[in-house]
C-alpha atoms as a PDB file:
ATOM      1  CA  UNK A   1      47.625  13.984 218.912  1.00  0.00           C
ATOM      2  CA  UNK A   2      47.999  14.221 222.640  1.00  0.00           C
ATOM      3  CA  UNK A   3      51.562  14.731 223.833  1.00  0.00           C
ATOM      4  CA  UNK A   4      52.908  13.630 227.174  1.00  0.00           C
ATOM      5  CA  UNK A   5      53.926  16.487 229.423  1.00  0.00           C
ATOM      6  CA  UNK A   6      57.588  16.898 230.317  1.00  0.00           C
ATOM      7  CA  UNK A   7      57.708  16.173 234.015  1.00  0.00           C
ATOM      8  CA  UNK A   8      61.010  16.848 235.784  1.00  0.00           C
ATOM      9  CA  UNK A   9      61.483  14.676 238.841  1.00  0.00           C
ATOM     10  CA  UNK A  10      64.446  13.762 241.032  1.00  0.00           C
ATOM     11  CA  UNK A  11      66.350  10.553 240.601  1.00  0.00           C
ATOM     12  CA  UNK A  12      64.448   7.755 242.380  1.00  0.00           C
ATOM     13  CA  UNK A  13      65.881   5.927 245.335  1.00  0.00           C
ATOM     14  CA  UNK A  14      67.646   2.687 244.503  1.00  0.00           C
ATOM     15  CA  UNK A  15      66.270  -0.284 246.393  1.00  0.00           C
ATOM     16  CA  UNK A  16      69.685  -1.903 246.550  1.00  0.00           C
ATOM     17  CA  UNK A  17      71.027   0.971 248.638  1.00  0.00           C
ATOM     18  CA  UNK A  18      70.599   1.607 252.371  1.00  0.00           C
ATOM     19  CA  UNK A  19      67.702   3.735 253.590  1.00  0.00           C
ATOM     20  CA  UNK A  20      67.988   7.511 253.420  1.00  0.00           C
ATOM     21  CA  UNK A  21      68.261   7.718 257.196  1.00  0.00           C
ATOM     22  CA  UNK A  22      71.120   5.223 257.269  1.00  0.00           C
ATOM     23  CA  UNK A  23      72.892   7.003 254.419  1.00  0.00           C
ATOM     24  CA  UNK A  24      72.597  10.276 256.329  1.00  0.00           C
ATOM     25  CA  UNK A  25      73.873   8.796 259.586  1.00  0.00           C
ATOM     26  CA  UNK A  26      76.841   7.053 257.938  1.00  0.00           C
ATOM     27  CA  UNK A  27      77.782  10.209 256.031  1.00  0.00           C
ATOM     28  CA  UNK A  28      77.671  12.251 259.224  1.00  0.00           C
ATOM     29  CA  UNK A  29      79.708   9.589 261.024  1.00  0.00           C
ATOM     30  CA  UNK A  30      82.485   9.857 258.432  1.00  0.00           C
ATOM     31  CA  UNK A  31      82.714  13.572 259.241  1.00  0.00           C
ATOM     32  CA  UNK A  32      82.967  12.962 262.974  1.00  0.00           C
ATOM     33  CA  UNK A  33      86.780  12.447 262.973  1.00  0.00           C
ATOM     34  CA  UNK A  34      87.262  15.864 261.396  1.00  0.00           C
ATOM     35  CA  UNK A  35      84.981  17.481 263.979  1.00  0.00           C
ATOM     36  CA  UNK A  36      86.817  15.696 266.790  1.00  0.00           C
ATOM     37  CA  UNK A  37      90.163  16.971 265.504  1.00  0.00           C
ATOM     38  CA  UNK A  38      88.757  20.498 265.468  1.00  0.00           C
ATOM     39  CA  UNK A  39      87.804  20.002 269.112  1.00  0.00           C
ATOM     40  CA  UNK A  40      91.180  18.452 269.943  1.00  0.00           C
ATOM     41  CA  UNK A  41      93.150  21.369 268.496  1.00  0.00           C
ATOM     42  CA  UNK A  42      90.837  23.807 270.245  1.00  0.00           C
ATOM     43  CA  UNK A  43      89.346  25.424 267.146  1.00  0.00           C
ATOM     44  CA  UNK A  44      86.331  26.791 268.976  1.00  0.00           C
ATOM     45  CA  UNK A  45      85.361  29.269 266.208  1.00  0.00           C
ATOM     46  CA  UNK A  46      85.067  26.415 263.693  1.00  0.00           C
ATOM     47  CA  UNK A  47      82.925  24.365 266.077  1.00  0.00           C
ATOM     48  CA  UNK A  48      80.692  27.372 266.786  1.00  0.00           C
ATOM     49  CA  UNK A  49      80.291  27.989 263.045  1.00  0.00           C
ATOM     50  CA  UNK A  50      79.288  24.363 262.493  1.00  0.00           C
ATOM     51  CA  UNK A  51      76.828  24.470 265.413  1.00  0.00           C
ATOM     52  CA  UNK A  52      75.299  27.710 264.131  1.00  0.00           C
ATOM     53  CA  UNK A  53      74.919  26.315 260.620  1.00  0.00           C
ATOM     54  CA  UNK A  54      73.262  23.169 261.978  1.00  0.00           C
ATOM     55  CA  UNK A  55      70.887  25.323 264.029  1.00  0.00           C
ATOM     56  CA  UNK A  56      70.020  27.380 260.943  1.00  0.00           C
ATOM     57  CA  UNK A  57      69.377  24.249 258.898  1.00  0.00           C
ATOM     58  CA  UNK A  58      67.210  22.793 261.669  1.00  0.00           C
ATOM     59  CA  UNK A  59      65.147  25.989 261.809  1.00  0.00           C
ATOM     60  CA  UNK A  60      64.750  25.864 258.028  1.00  0.00           C
ATOM     61  CA  UNK A  61      63.491  22.289 258.295  1.00  0.00           C
ATOM     62  CA  UNK A  62      60.885  23.377 260.846  1.00  0.00           C
ATOM     63  CA  UNK A  63      59.890  26.406 258.765  1.00  0.00           C
ATOM     64  CA  UNK A  64      59.391  24.102 255.789  1.00  0.00           C
ATOM     65  CA  UNK A  65      57.620  21.259 257.570  1.00  0.00           C
ATOM     66  CA  UNK A  66      55.285  22.997 260.030  1.00  0.00           C
ATOM     67  CA  UNK A  67      53.181  25.030 257.520  1.00  0.00           C
ATOM     68  CA  UNK A  68      52.712  21.871 255.432  1.00  0.00           C
ATOM     69  CA  UNK A  69      51.927  19.774 258.507  1.00  0.00           C
ATOM     70  CA  UNK A  70      54.745  17.392 257.734  1.00  0.00           C
ATOM     71  CA  UNK A  71      57.023  15.617 260.150  1.00  0.00           C
ATOM     72  CA  UNK A  72      60.414  17.233 260.521  1.00  0.00           C
ATOM     73  CA  UNK A  73      63.787  15.497 260.786  1.00  0.00           C
ATOM     74  CA  UNK A  74      62.424  12.181 259.542  1.00  0.00           C
ATOM     75  CA  UNK A  75      65.699  11.279 257.829  1.00  0.00           C
ATOM     76  CA  UNK A  76      68.093  13.696 259.592  1.00  0.00           C
ATOM     77  CA  UNK A  77      69.086  15.181 256.213  1.00  0.00           C
ATOM     78  CA  UNK A  78      68.537  18.727 257.479  1.00  0.00           C
ATOM     79  CA  UNK A  79      71.064  18.195 260.266  1.00  0.00           C
ATOM     80  CA  UNK A  80      73.559  16.717 257.814  1.00  0.00           C
ATOM     81  CA  UNK A  81      73.046  19.709 255.518  1.00  0.00           C
ATOM     82  CA  UNK A  82      73.843  22.016 258.423  1.00  0.00           C
ATOM     83  CA  UNK A  83      76.949  20.020 259.299  1.00  0.00           C
ATOM     84  CA  UNK A  84      78.213  20.127 255.714  1.00  0.00           C
ATOM     85  CA  UNK A  85      77.434  23.839 255.394  1.00  0.00           C
ATOM     86  CA  UNK A  86      79.240  24.574 258.642  1.00  0.00           C
ATOM     87  CA  UNK A  87      82.275  22.677 257.406  1.00  0.00           C
ATOM     88  CA  UNK A  88      82.316  24.756 254.212  1.00  0.00           C
ATOM     89  CA  UNK A  89      81.840  28.139 255.851  1.00  0.00           C
ATOM     90  CA  UNK A  90      84.878  30.058 257.153  1.00  0.00           C
ATOM     91  CA  UNK A  91      85.454  29.655 260.880  1.00  0.00           C
ATOM     92  CA  UNK A  92      85.988  33.425 261.017  1.00  0.00           C
ATOM     93  CA  UNK A  93      82.358  34.021 260.093  1.00  0.00           C
ATOM     94  CA  UNK A  94      80.062  35.580 262.681  1.00  0.00           C
ATOM     95  CA  UNK A  95      77.922  32.742 264.164  1.00  0.00           C
ATOM     96  CA  UNK A  96      74.708  34.686 263.576  1.00  0.00           C
ATOM     97  CA  UNK A  97      75.595  35.096 259.888  1.00  0.00           C
ATOM     98  CA  UNK A  98      76.363  31.367 259.703  1.00  0.00           C
ATOM     99  CA  UNK A  99      72.915  30.628 261.127  1.00  0.00           C
ATOM    100  CA  UNK A 100      71.150  33.043 258.776  1.00  0.00           C
ATOM    101  CA  UNK A 101      72.849  31.885 255.563  1.00  0.00           C
ATOM    102  CA  UNK A 102      72.316  28.229 256.496  1.00  0.00           C
ATOM    103  CA  UNK A 103      68.655  28.887 257.265  1.00  0.00           C
ATOM    104  CA  UNK A 104      68.202  30.830 254.032  1.00  0.00           C
ATOM    105  CA  UNK A 105      70.069  28.386 251.808  1.00  0.00           C
ATOM    106  CA  UNK A 106      68.349  25.262 253.082  1.00  0.00           C
ATOM    107  CA  UNK A 107      64.910  26.871 253.089  1.00  0.00           C
ATOM    108  CA  UNK A 108      65.345  28.197 249.543  1.00  0.00           C
ATOM    109  CA  UNK A 109      66.585  24.819 248.306  1.00  0.00           C
ATOM    110  CA  UNK A 110      63.717  22.952 249.944  1.00  0.00           C
ATOM    111  CA  UNK A 111      60.966  25.303 248.755  1.00  0.00           C
ATOM    112  CA  UNK A 112      62.180  26.064 245.245  1.00  0.00           C
ATOM    113  CA  UNK A 113      63.925  22.832 244.329  1.00  0.00           C
ATOM    114  CA  UNK A 114      61.987  20.127 246.179  1.00  0.00           C
ATOM    115  CA  UNK A 115      61.442  18.833 249.680  1.00  0.00           C
ATOM    116  CA  UNK A 116      63.513  16.611 251.901  1.00  0.00           C
ATOM    117  CA  UNK A 117      65.040  13.740 249.987  1.00  0.00           C
ATOM    118  CA  UNK A 118      63.801  14.959 246.610  1.00  0.00           C
ATOM    119  CA  UNK A 119      65.580  18.244 245.911  1.00  0.00           C
ATOM    120  CA  UNK A 120      67.518  18.542 242.660  1.00  0.00           C
ATOM    121  CA  UNK A 121      69.588  21.540 243.803  1.00  0.00           C
ATOM    122  CA  UNK A 122      71.952  20.727 246.659  1.00  0.00           C
ATOM    123  CA  UNK A 123      70.940  22.855 249.682  1.00  0.00           C
ATOM    124  CA  UNK A 124      74.512  23.016 250.999  1.00  0.00           C
ATOM    125  CA  UNK A 125      75.865  24.318 247.692  1.00  0.00           C
ATOM    126  CA  UNK A 126      73.031  26.857 247.593  1.00  0.00           C
ATOM    127  CA  UNK A 127      73.912  27.952 251.136  1.00  0.00           C
ATOM    128  CA  UNK A 128      77.588  28.535 250.356  1.00  0.00           C
ATOM    129  CA  UNK A 129      76.754  30.281 247.084  1.00  0.00           C
ATOM    130  CA  UNK A 130      74.352  32.627 248.890  1.00  0.00           C
ATOM    131  CA  UNK A 131      76.960  33.389 251.542  1.00  0.00           C
ATOM    132  CA  UNK A 132      79.636  34.137 248.944  1.00  0.00           C
ATOM    133  CA  UNK A 133      77.393  36.237 246.703  1.00  0.00           C
ATOM    134  CA  UNK A 134      76.048  38.237 249.638  1.00  0.00           C
ATOM    135  CA  UNK A 135      79.558  39.176 250.762  1.00  0.00           C
ATOM    136  CA  UNK A 136      82.675  37.609 249.251  1.00  0.00           C
ATOM    137  CA  UNK A 137      84.712  39.269 252.008  1.00  0.00           C
ATOM    138  CA  UNK A 138      83.369  36.596 254.367  1.00  0.00           C
ATOM    139  CA  UNK A 139      85.644  34.132 252.594  1.00  0.00           C
ATOM    140  CA  UNK A 140      89.434  33.998 252.302  1.00  0.00           C
ATOM    141  CA  UNK A 141      91.072  35.243 249.123  1.00  0.00           C
ATOM    142  CA  UNK A 142      92.212  33.007 246.285  1.00  0.00           C
ATOM    143  CA  UNK A 143      95.372  31.144 247.299  1.00  0.00           C
ATOM    144  CA  UNK A 144      97.165  31.893 244.040  1.00  0.00           C
ATOM    145  CA  UNK A 145      97.048  34.653 241.431  1.00  0.00           C
ATOM    146  CA  UNK A 146      98.007  34.786 237.790  1.00  0.00           C
ATOM    147  CA  UNK A 147     100.982  36.988 238.584  1.00  0.00           C
ATOM    148  CA  UNK A 148     102.120  34.540 241.239  1.00  0.00           C
ATOM    149  CA  UNK A 149     101.929  31.607 238.822  1.00  0.00           C
ATOM    150  CA  UNK A 150     103.867  33.557 236.201  1.00  0.00           C
ATOM    151  CA  UNK A 151     106.540  34.333 238.769  1.00  0.00           C
ATOM    152  CA  UNK A 152     106.844  30.831 240.255  1.00  0.00           C
ATOM    153  CA  UNK A 153     106.076  28.810 237.136  1.00  0.00           C
ATOM    154  CA  UNK A 154     103.379  26.674 238.794  1.00  0.00           C
ATOM    155  CA  UNK A 155     100.481  26.959 241.243  1.00  0.00           C
ATOM    156  CA  UNK A 156     102.039  25.353 244.315  1.00  0.00           C
ATOM    157  CA  UNK A 157     105.172  27.425 243.913  1.00  0.00           C
ATOM    158  CA  UNK A 158     103.014  30.548 243.740  1.00  0.00           C
ATOM    159  CA  UNK A 159     101.240  29.467 246.901  1.00  0.00           C
ATOM    160  CA  UNK A 160     104.555  29.013 248.721  1.00  0.00           C
ATOM    161  CA  UNK A 161     105.703  32.495 247.713  1.00  0.00           C
ATOM    162  CA  UNK A 162     103.476  33.918 250.437  1.00  0.00           C
ATOM    163  CA  UNK A 163     104.693  31.282 252.884  1.00  0.00           C
ATOM    164  CA  UNK A 164     102.482  28.928 254.838  1.00  0.00           C
ATOM    165  CA  UNK A 165     102.908  27.027 258.081  1.00  0.00           C
ATOM    166  CA  UNK A 166     103.877  23.421 257.469  1.00  0.00           C
ATOM    167  CA  UNK A 167     103.210  20.651 259.961  1.00  0.00           C
ATOM    168  CA  UNK A 168     106.380  19.721 261.912  1.00  0.00           C
ATOM    169  CA  UNK A 169     106.698  16.301 260.293  1.00  0.00           C
ATOM    170  CA  UNK A 170     106.264  17.517 256.700  1.00  0.00           C
ATOM    171  CA  UNK A 171     109.975  17.562 255.894  1.00  0.00           C
ATOM    172  CA  UNK A 172     110.728  14.161 257.404  1.00  0.00           C
ATOM    173  CA  UNK A 173     107.718  12.399 255.860  1.00  0.00           C
ATOM    174  CA  UNK A 174     108.389  13.972 252.473  1.00  0.00           C
ATOM    175  CA  UNK A 175     112.021  12.871 252.645  1.00  0.00           C
ATOM    176  CA  UNK A 176     111.033   9.315 253.559  1.00  0.00           C
ATOM    177  CA  UNK A 177     108.534   9.067 250.693  1.00  0.00           C
ATOM    178  CA  UNK A 178     111.072  10.402 248.221  1.00  0.00           C
ATOM    179  CA  UNK A 179     113.821   8.056 249.444  1.00  0.00           C
ATOM    180  CA  UNK A 180     111.718   4.913 249.741  1.00  0.00           C
ATOM    181  CA  UNK A 181     109.405   5.145 246.721  1.00  0.00           C
ATOM    182  CA  UNK A 182     109.507   8.105 244.391  1.00  0.00           C
ATOM    183  CA  UNK A 183     113.251   8.037 243.687  1.00  0.00           C
ATOM    184  CA  UNK A 184     112.725   4.683 241.950  1.00  0.00           C
ATOM    185  CA  UNK A 185     110.695   6.539 239.324  1.00  0.00           C
ATOM    186  CA  UNK A 186     112.886   9.620 239.186  1.00  0.00           C
ATOM    187  CA  UNK A 187     110.228  11.725 240.914  1.00  0.00           C
ATOM    188  CA  UNK A 188     110.691  14.064 243.852  1.00  0.00           C
ATOM    189  CA  UNK A 189     107.802  15.302 245.989  1.00  0.00           C
ATOM    190  CA  UNK A 190     108.380  18.895 247.134  1.00  0.00           C
ATOM    191  CA  UNK A 191     107.912  19.792 250.764  1.00  0.00           C
ATOM    192  CA  UNK A 192     104.506  21.160 251.656  1.00  0.00           C
ATOM    193  CA  UNK A 193     102.195  18.602 250.069  1.00  0.00           C
ATOM    194  CA  UNK A 194     102.067  16.511 253.247  1.00  0.00           C
ATOM    195  CA  UNK A 195     100.760  19.588 255.051  1.00  0.00           C
ATOM    196  CA  UNK A 196      98.093  20.136 252.396  1.00  0.00           C
ATOM    197  CA  UNK A 197      97.160  16.458 252.558  1.00  0.00           C
ATOM    198  CA  UNK A 198      96.894  16.120 256.331  1.00  0.00           C
ATOM    199  CA  UNK A 199      96.326  19.573 257.838  1.00  0.00           C
ATOM    200  CA  UNK A 200      95.949  22.304 255.263  1.00  0.00           C
ATOM    201  CA  UNK A 201      96.141  25.829 256.759  1.00  0.00           C
ATOM    202  CA  UNK A 202      92.656  26.998 255.844  1.00  0.00           C
ATOM    203  CA  UNK A 203      89.968  28.833 257.807  1.00  0.00           C
ATOM    204  CA  UNK A 204      87.420  26.601 256.048  1.00  0.00           C
ATOM    205  CA  UNK A 205      87.309  23.308 258.000  1.00  0.00           C
ATOM    206  CA  UNK A 206      86.285  21.185 254.999  1.00  0.00           C
ATOM    207  CA  UNK A 207      89.513  22.177 253.232  1.00  0.00           C
ATOM    208  CA  UNK A 208      91.859  21.058 255.998  1.00  0.00           C
ATOM    209  CA  UNK A 209      91.843  17.294 256.415  1.00  0.00           C
ATOM    210  CA  UNK A 210      92.096  15.882 252.912  1.00  0.00           C
ATOM    211  CA  UNK A 211      93.503  12.596 254.195  1.00  0.00           C
ATOM    212  CA  UNK A 212      90.405  12.000 256.317  1.00  0.00           C
ATOM    213  CA  UNK A 213      88.121  13.018 253.449  1.00  0.00           C
ATOM    214  CA  UNK A 214      89.846  10.538 251.156  1.00  0.00           C
ATOM    215  CA  UNK A 215      89.608   7.777 253.774  1.00  0.00           C
ATOM    216  CA  UNK A 216      85.926   8.606 254.331  1.00  0.00           C
ATOM    217  CA  UNK A 217      85.290   8.303 250.594  1.00  0.00           C
ATOM    218  CA  UNK A 218      86.451   4.679 250.711  1.00  0.00           C
ATOM    219  CA  UNK A 219      83.905   3.948 253.453  1.00  0.00           C
ATOM    220  CA  UNK A 220      81.099   5.777 251.651  1.00  0.00           C
ATOM    221  CA  UNK A 221      81.733   3.939 248.397  1.00  0.00           C
ATOM    222  CA  UNK A 222      82.271   0.545 250.044  1.00  0.00           C
ATOM    223  CA  UNK A 223      78.974   0.852 251.944  1.00  0.00           C
ATOM    224  CA  UNK A 224      77.181   2.004 248.776  1.00  0.00           C
ATOM    225  CA  UNK A 225      76.313   5.327 250.400  1.00  0.00           C
ATOM    226  CA  UNK A 226      77.549   7.200 247.338  1.00  0.00           C
ATOM    227  CA  UNK A 227      78.118   6.147 243.743  1.00  0.00           C
ATOM    228  CA  UNK A 228      81.733   6.189 242.588  1.00  0.00           C
ATOM    229  CA  UNK A 229      81.134   7.190 238.963  1.00  0.00           C
ATOM    230  CA  UNK A 230      80.447  10.912 239.368  1.00  0.00           C
ATOM    231  CA  UNK A 231      83.356  11.605 241.775  1.00  0.00           C
ATOM    232  CA  UNK A 232      85.819   9.579 239.689  1.00  0.00           C
ATOM    233  CA  UNK A 233      84.866  11.161 236.365  1.00  0.00           C
ATOM    234  CA  UNK A 234      84.828  14.596 237.970  1.00  0.00           C
ATOM    235  CA  UNK A 235      88.336  14.221 239.397  1.00  0.00           C
ATOM    236  CA  UNK A 236      89.663  12.662 236.192  1.00  0.00           C
ATOM    237  CA  UNK A 237      88.239  15.443 234.012  1.00  0.00           C
ATOM    238  CA  UNK A 238      89.394  18.211 236.329  1.00  0.00           C
ATOM    239  CA  UNK A 239      92.829  16.617 236.699  1.00  0.00           C
ATOM    240  CA  UNK A 240      93.343  16.315 232.942  1.00  0.00           C
ATOM    241  CA  UNK A 241      92.368  19.936 232.395  1.00  0.00           C
ATOM    242  CA  UNK A 242      94.705  21.025 235.188  1.00  0.00           C
ATOM    243  CA  UNK A 243      97.616  19.071 233.739  1.00  0.00           C
ATOM    244  CA  UNK A 244      97.227  20.035 230.093  1.00  0.00           C
ATOM    245  CA  UNK A 245      95.531  23.433 230.109  1.00  0.00           C
ATOM    246  CA  UNK A 246      95.862  25.282 233.435  1.00  0.00           C
ATOM    247  CA  UNK A 247      99.305  26.817 232.843  1.00  0.00           C
ATOM    248  CA  UNK A 248      98.831  27.813 229.207  1.00  0.00           C
ATOM    249  CA  UNK A 249      97.751  31.402 229.989  1.00  0.00           C
ATOM    250  CA  UNK A 250     100.648  31.921 232.411  1.00  0.00           C
ATOM    251  CA  UNK A 251     103.697  29.855 231.476  1.00  0.00           C
ATOM    252  CA  UNK A 252     105.253  29.184 228.075  1.00  0.00           C
ATOM    253  CA  UNK A 253     106.476  25.704 227.228  1.00  0.00           C
ATOM    254  CA  UNK A 254     105.058  22.264 227.923  1.00  0.00           C
ATOM    255  CA  UNK A 255     104.964  22.366 231.732  1.00  0.00           C
ATOM    256  CA  UNK A 256     102.064  20.401 233.183  1.00  0.00           C
ATOM    257  CA  UNK A 257      99.716  21.870 235.749  1.00  0.00           C
ATOM    258  CA  UNK A 258      99.819  20.828 239.402  1.00  0.00           C
ATOM    259  CA  UNK A 259      97.085  18.222 239.898  1.00  0.00           C
ATOM    260  CA  UNK A 260      97.958  17.622 243.552  1.00  0.00           C
ATOM    261  CA  UNK A 261      97.603  21.290 244.425  1.00  0.00           C
ATOM    262  CA  UNK A 262      94.251  21.460 242.628  1.00  0.00           C
ATOM    263  CA  UNK A 263      92.948  18.365 244.429  1.00  0.00           C
ATOM    264  CA  UNK A 264      94.220  19.387 247.877  1.00  0.00           C
ATOM    265  CA  UNK A 265      92.842  22.946 247.809  1.00  0.00           C
ATOM    266  CA  UNK A 266      89.435  24.513 247.054  1.00  0.00           C
ATOM    267  CA  UNK A 267      87.769  21.643 248.928  1.00  0.00           C
ATOM    268  CA  UNK A 268      87.985  19.621 245.715  1.00  0.00           C
ATOM    269  CA  UNK A 269      87.976  16.218 247.425  1.00  0.00           C
ATOM    270  CA  UNK A 270      85.235  17.318 249.846  1.00  0.00           C
ATOM    271  CA  UNK A 271      83.119  18.466 246.921  1.00  0.00           C
ATOM    272  CA  UNK A 272      83.777  15.249 245.009  1.00  0.00           C
ATOM    273  CA  UNK A 273      82.692  12.907 247.788  1.00  0.00           C
ATOM    274  CA  UNK A 274      80.232  14.878 249.917  1.00  0.00           C
ATOM    275  CA  UNK A 275      78.363  17.203 247.542  1.00  0.00           C
ATOM    276  CA  UNK A 276      78.412  15.882 243.987  1.00  0.00           C
ATOM    277  CA  UNK A 277      77.211  12.302 244.759  1.00  0.00           C
ATOM    278  CA  UNK A 278      74.110  13.481 246.675  1.00  0.00           C
ATOM    279  CA  UNK A 279      71.464  10.808 246.016  1.00  0.00           C
ATOM    280  CA  UNK A 280      68.712  13.319 245.194  1.00  0.00           C
ATOM    281  CA  UNK A 281      70.767  15.172 242.586  1.00  0.00           C
ATOM    282  CA  UNK A 282      72.517  12.237 240.918  1.00  0.00           C
ATOM    283  CA  UNK A 283      71.351  11.038 237.509  1.00  0.00           C
ATOM    284  CA  UNK A 284      69.831   7.573 237.297  1.00  0.00           C
ATOM    285  CA  UNK A 285      71.899   6.072 234.505  1.00  0.00           C
ATOM    286  CA  UNK A 286      75.576   5.334 234.079  1.00  0.00           C
ATOM    287  CA  UNK A 287      75.729   7.541 231.012  1.00  0.00           C
ATOM    288  CA  UNK A 288      74.018  10.370 232.898  1.00  0.00           C
ATOM    289  CA  UNK A 289      76.496  10.057 235.761  1.00  0.00           C
ATOM    290  CA  UNK A 290      79.434  10.151 233.356  1.00  0.00           C
ATOM    291  CA  UNK A 291      78.023  13.276 231.702  1.00  0.00           C
ATOM    292  CA  UNK A 292      77.527  14.880 235.113  1.00  0.00           C
ATOM    293  CA  UNK A 293      81.099  14.067 236.128  1.00  0.00           C
ATOM    294  CA  UNK A 294      82.513  15.539 232.924  1.00  0.00           C
ATOM    295  CA  UNK A 295      80.431  18.707 233.246  1.00  0.00           C
ATOM    296  CA  UNK A 296      81.481  19.037 236.887  1.00  0.00           C
ATOM    297  CA  UNK A 297      85.167  18.695 235.984  1.00  0.00           C
ATOM    298  CA  UNK A 298      84.886  21.343 233.276  1.00  0.00           C
ATOM    299  CA  UNK A 299      82.914  23.637 235.600  1.00  0.00           C
ATOM    300  CA  UNK A 300      85.469  23.222 238.403  1.00  0.00           C
ATOM    301  CA  UNK A 301      88.280  24.116 236.029  1.00  0.00           C
ATOM    302  CA  UNK A 302      86.404  27.173 234.744  1.00  0.00           C
ATOM    303  CA  UNK A 303      85.505  28.371 238.246  1.00  0.00           C
ATOM    304  CA  UNK A 304      88.404  27.250 240.461  1.00  0.00           C
ATOM    305  CA  UNK A 305      91.148  27.281 237.819  1.00  0.00           C
ATOM    306  CA  UNK A 306      94.423  25.743 239.042  1.00  0.00           C
ATOM    307  CA  UNK A 307      93.106  25.527 242.612  1.00  0.00           C
ATOM    308  CA  UNK A 308      92.897  27.636 245.738  1.00  0.00           C
ATOM    309  CA  UNK A 309      89.323  28.889 245.318  1.00  0.00           C
ATOM    310  CA  UNK A 310      87.365  29.511 248.549  1.00  0.00           C
ATOM    311  CA  UNK A 311      83.913  28.717 247.120  1.00  0.00           C
ATOM    312  CA  UNK A 312      84.520  27.235 243.664  1.00  0.00           C
ATOM    313  CA  UNK A 313      83.318  23.786 244.720  1.00  0.00           C
ATOM    314  CA  UNK A 314      79.904  25.067 245.781  1.00  0.00           C
ATOM    315  CA  UNK A 315      79.405  27.016 242.556  1.00  0.00           C
ATOM    316  CA  UNK A 316      80.484  23.951 240.585  1.00  0.00           C
ATOM    317  CA  UNK A 317      77.737  21.910 242.256  1.00  0.00           C
ATOM    318  CA  UNK A 318      75.141  24.645 241.703  1.00  0.00           C
ATOM    319  CA  UNK A 319      76.024  24.816 237.996  1.00  0.00           C
ATOM    320  CA  UNK A 320      75.892  21.046 237.572  1.00  0.00           C
ATOM    321  CA  UNK A 321      72.600  20.775 239.478  1.00  0.00           C
ATOM    322  CA  UNK A 322      71.119  23.453 237.239  1.00  0.00           C
ATOM    323  CA  UNK A 323      71.605  21.079 234.318  1.00  0.00           C
ATOM    324  CA  UNK A 324      69.942  18.153 236.117  1.00  0.00           C
ATOM    325  CA  UNK A 325      66.542  18.610 234.419  1.00  0.00           C
ATOM    326  CA  UNK A 326      68.231  18.518 231.003  1.00  0.00           C
ATOM    327  CA  UNK A 327      70.181  15.384 231.924  1.00  0.00           C
ATOM    328  CA  UNK A 328      67.021  13.723 233.196  1.00  0.00           C
ATOM    329  CA  UNK A 329      65.180  14.696 230.038  1.00  0.00           C
ATOM    330  CA  UNK A 330      67.877  12.984 227.995  1.00  0.00           C
ATOM    331  CA  UNK A 331      67.724   9.966 230.286  1.00  0.00           C
ATOM    332  CA  UNK A 332      63.978   9.670 229.895  1.00  0.00           C
ATOM    333  CA  UNK A 333      63.911  10.228 226.142  1.00  0.00           C
ATOM    334  CA  UNK A 334      67.088   8.557 224.942  1.00  0.00           C
ATOM    335  CA  UNK A 335      69.126   6.588 227.472  1.00  0.00           C
ATOM    336  CA  UNK A 336      66.257   5.115 229.440  1.00  0.00           C
ATOM    337  CA  UNK A 337      64.587   3.890 226.261  1.00  0.00           C
ATOM    338  CA  UNK A 338      67.755   1.954 225.470  1.00  0.00           C
ATOM    339  CA  UNK A 339      67.534   0.173 228.812  1.00  0.00           C
ATOM    340  CA  UNK A 340      70.904   1.400 230.011  1.00  0.00           C
ATOM    341  CA  UNK A 341      69.855   2.025 233.609  1.00  0.00           C
ATOM    342  CA  UNK A 342      72.520   1.907 236.321  1.00  0.00           C
END
């Protein structure tokens, strides 16, 4: 009896969504405010890092397309990959290294895991993983340690032990929120979260402006540029693990972990809305997307722990993408046969 071969292929494009080029342009446009703020505050090193990463990605696109006699930059995805990689690389990185790791990561992802628009391993995640594995010293250290959590009793308290520069309006905004809203529920927001939410003190640009990332996610979802299922399930799974499990190895008692700190550090929101929902790596079915989100949440907890990881988001995406062929196999053999397509 002849058996059908197991063919692994990327998730197909959905006809109800915008074109790939439009999706790329809109995604890049949502990042523009963050780039403009970097220019406004005079963070030249961050802008140079982003430019170098975009140049490396563009060169990788040419190196991939020219030997195969294909047109380059047909959907601008290579430029977007460079922009995302530059946002996730430390601004302290040598520009030449930024160019090389971006070139290497994008070229490896395109050649080994599929071409433009059909790769099942996210080229940006591959780029950051390569940079971190090649020399972890390129990246900042973990924001919190186990000893710090034991001493402070929670992750954000451990982070504040080392001190960090808060934005001038942090105290006043925090006080207003507590007085106007949270006191009605008997909750008090500590000072410092407003800084993490609006202008986190990180050398990695993607980690800084969580408020803009969250606002951009609303646009991306509303315009059907990304699917909401994977990011939502990812954040829910990671948040539950943070709350119920993260402090067990460090603190006795029933204290819950700090979900806000976990979401506002490690580039968690950036990963959730810019890397995980990539159209080429997303499963096709609702069930597949839910499974992906759960796996991503578990992976983020295992890799980034209570938060503060410099590259945990990228490794989370790489791990999840590695399981894509298995998820697609299940979709093709079980879920798809049941007609439960998204």
